[in-house]
Amino acid sequence: MESNLIHSKLRMKGKNVEWLANEMTAYGQPVSASTIYKKLKGEVVFKAADIKLISRLLDLKNEEIMTIFFSELVSKKTHIDVERIVMNEKNY
């Protein structure tokens, strides 16, 4: 997890974790800022639905999604179809 990149993306948009929590709640995924901080620290795991919504709210590209959320799980040489895993509307 590259949480520093989430913070960078938020700063680039002039937003913060509190904004992210409010937006996620407004989109039907209630979460507190403190829970997001715990997820960013690795104390709590991001669910696929969290990743999908955060990706939309922050306009993350597939490569950014992989780097931010899956860097420790997947080497750069491994290809994973992020569209299918994270962005697809189907439940897997």
C-alpha atoms as a PDB file:
ATOM      1  CA  MET A   1       0.000   0.000   0.000  1.00  0.00           C
ATOM      2  CA  GLU A   2       1.438   3.316  -1.079  1.00  0.00           C
ATOM      3  CA  SER A   3      -0.688   5.559   1.134  1.00  0.00           C
ATOM      4  CA  ASN A   4       1.536   8.554   0.461  1.00  0.00           C
ATOM      5  CA  LEU A   5       0.238   8.525  -3.122  1.00  0.00           C
ATOM      6  CA  ILE A   6      -3.363   8.792  -1.884  1.00  0.00           C
ATOM      7  CA  HIS A   7      -2.374  11.790   0.220  1.00  0.00           C
ATOM      8  CA  SER A   8      -0.602  13.305  -2.799  1.00  0.00           C
ATOM      9  CA  LYS A   9      -3.641  12.828  -5.030  1.00  0.00           C
ATOM     10  CA  LEU A  10      -5.867  14.422  -2.408  1.00  0.00           C
ATOM     11  CA  ARG A  11      -3.525  17.408  -2.043  1.00  0.00           C
ATOM     12  CA  MET A  12      -3.358  17.836  -5.827  1.00  0.00           C
ATOM     13  CA  LYS A  13      -7.147  18.170  -5.839  1.00  0.00           C
ATOM     14  CA  GLY A  14      -7.131  20.500  -2.824  1.00  0.00           C
ATOM     15  CA  LYS A  15      -8.908  17.844  -0.760  1.00  0.00           C
ATOM     16  CA  ASN A  16      -8.189  15.841   2.396  1.00  0.00           C
ATOM     17  CA  VAL A  17      -9.153  12.572   4.079  1.00  0.00           C
ATOM     18  CA  GLU A  18     -12.192  14.178   5.706  1.00  0.00           C
ATOM     19  CA  TRP A  19     -13.461  15.154   2.240  1.00  0.00           C
ATOM     20  CA  LEU A  20     -12.854  11.602   1.022  1.00  0.00           C
ATOM     21  CA  ALA A  21     -14.830  10.159   3.948  1.00  0.00           C
ATOM     22  CA  ASN A  22     -17.719  12.558   3.299  1.00  0.00           C
ATOM     23  CA  GLU A  23     -17.764  11.745  -0.423  1.00  0.00           C
ATOM     24  CA  MET A  24     -17.653   8.004   0.180  1.00  0.00           C
ATOM     25  CA  THR A  25     -20.530   8.342   2.635  1.00  0.00           C
ATOM     26  CA  ALA A  26     -22.497  10.454   0.138  1.00  0.00           C
ATOM     27  CA  TYR A  27     -22.019   7.689  -2.462  1.00  0.00           C
ATOM     28  CA  GLY A  28     -23.483   5.088  -0.100  1.00  0.00           C
ATOM     29  CA  GLN A  29     -20.293   3.757   1.466  1.00  0.00           C
ATOM     30  CA  PRO A  30     -20.384   5.214   4.973  1.00  0.00           C
ATOM     31  CA  VAL A  31     -16.911   5.543   6.448  1.00  0.00           C
ATOM     32  CA  SER A  32     -15.285   7.860   8.953  1.00  0.00           C
ATOM     33  CA  ALA A  33     -12.068   9.772   8.392  1.00  0.00           C
ATOM     34  CA  SER A  34     -10.486   7.811  11.251  1.00  0.00           C
ATOM     35  CA  THR A  35     -11.292   4.525   9.498  1.00  0.00           C
ATOM     36  CA  ILE A  36      -9.731   5.796   6.279  1.00  0.00           C
ATOM     37  CA  TYR A  37      -6.609   6.787   8.223  1.00  0.00           C
ATOM     38  CA  LYS A  38      -6.478   3.252   9.690  1.00  0.00           C
ATOM     39  CA  LYS A  39      -6.785   1.808   6.192  1.00  0.00           C
ATOM     40  CA  LEU A  40      -4.024   4.086   4.923  1.00  0.00           C
ATOM     41  CA  LYS A  41      -1.784   2.919   7.794  1.00  0.00           C
ATOM     42  CA  GLY A  42      -2.517  -0.721   6.957  1.00  0.00           C
ATOM     43  CA  GLU A  43      -4.373  -1.386  10.215  1.00  0.00           C
ATOM     44  CA  VAL A  44      -7.585  -2.115   8.300  1.00  0.00           C
ATOM     45  CA  VAL A  45      -7.814  -3.506   4.765  1.00  0.00           C
ATOM     46  CA  PHE A  46      -9.434  -1.583   1.914  1.00  0.00           C
ATOM     47  CA  LYS A  47     -12.330  -3.544   0.415  1.00  0.00           C
ATOM     48  CA  ALA A  48     -12.726  -3.784  -3.359  1.00  0.00           C
ATOM     49  CA  ALA A  49     -15.718  -1.422  -3.182  1.00  0.00           C
ATOM     50  CA  ASP A  50     -13.558   1.138  -1.327  1.00  0.00           C
ATOM     51  CA  ILE A  51     -10.837   0.924  -3.956  1.00  0.00           C
ATOM     52  CA  LYS A  52     -13.361   1.257  -6.764  1.00  0.00           C
ATOM     53  CA  LEU A  53     -14.991   4.371  -5.293  1.00  0.00           C
ATOM     54  CA  ILE A  54     -11.717   6.026  -4.262  1.00  0.00           C
ATOM     55  CA  SER A  55     -10.410   5.399  -7.771  1.00  0.00           C
ATOM     56  CA  ARG A  56     -13.414   7.176  -9.244  1.00  0.00           C
ATOM     57  CA  LEU A  57     -13.350  10.065  -6.764  1.00  0.00           C
ATOM     58  CA  LEU A  58      -9.642  10.697  -7.332  1.00  0.00           C
ATOM     59  CA  ASP A  59      -9.677   9.900 -11.080  1.00  0.00           C
ATOM     60  CA  LEU A  60      -7.006   7.230 -10.664  1.00  0.00           C
ATOM     61  CA  LYS A  61      -5.654   5.492 -13.742  1.00  0.00           C
ATOM     62  CA  ASN A  62      -5.239   1.703 -13.747  1.00  0.00           C
ATOM     63  CA  GLU A  63      -1.484   1.969 -13.221  1.00  0.00           C
ATOM     64  CA  GLU A  64      -2.034   4.269 -10.237  1.00  0.00           C
ATOM     65  CA  ILE A  65      -4.539   1.827  -8.748  1.00  0.00           C
ATOM     66  CA  MET A  66      -2.010  -0.977  -9.039  1.00  0.00           C
ATOM     67  CA  THR A  67       0.790   1.115  -7.543  1.00  0.00           C
ATOM     68  CA  ILE A  68      -1.268   2.485  -4.667  1.00  0.00           C
ATOM     69  CA  PHE A  69      -3.297  -0.530  -3.587  1.00  0.00           C
ATOM     70  CA  PHE A  70      -1.479  -3.604  -4.891  1.00  0.00           C
ATOM     71  CA  SER A  71       2.227  -2.741  -4.972  1.00  0.00           C
ATOM     72  CA  GLU A  72       3.220  -5.317  -2.367  1.00  0.00           C
ATOM     73  CA  LEU A  73       1.137  -8.047  -3.983  1.00  0.00           C
ATOM     74  CA  VAL A  74       2.110  -7.705  -7.620  1.00  0.00           C
ATOM     75  CA  SER A  75       5.498  -7.122  -9.180  1.00  0.00           C
ATOM     76  CA  LYS A  76       5.762  -4.578 -11.976  1.00  0.00           C
ATOM     77  CA  LYS A  77       6.351  -7.433 -14.458  1.00  0.00           C
ATOM     78  CA  THR A  78       3.047  -9.106 -13.609  1.00  0.00           C
ATOM     79  CA  HIS A  79       0.001  -8.044 -15.590  1.00  0.00           C
ATOM     80  CA  ILE A  80      -3.370  -7.988 -13.892  1.00  0.00           C
ATOM     81  CA  ASP A  81      -6.523  -6.821 -15.599  1.00  0.00           C
ATOM     82  CA  VAL A  82      -7.457  -4.060 -13.146  1.00  0.00           C
ATOM     83  CA  GLU A  83     -10.568  -3.186 -15.114  1.00  0.00           C
ATOM     84  CA  ARG A  84     -11.955  -6.654 -14.420  1.00  0.00           C
ATOM     85  CA  ILE A  85     -10.909  -6.798 -10.772  1.00  0.00           C
ATOM     86  CA  VAL A  86     -11.598  -3.303  -9.502  1.00  0.00           C
ATOM     87  CA  MET A  87     -13.560  -1.209 -11.960  1.00  0.00           C
ATOM     88  CA  ASN A  88     -16.040  -3.715 -13.357  1.00  0.00           C
ATOM     89  CA  GLU A  89     -19.589  -3.455 -12.073  1.00  0.00           C
ATOM     90  CA  LYS A  90     -19.897  -7.242 -11.736  1.00  0.00           C
ATOM     91  CA  ASN A  91     -19.455  -8.809  -8.322  1.00  0.00           C
ATOM     92  CA  TYR A  92     -16.545 -11.215  -8.156  1.00  0.00           C
END
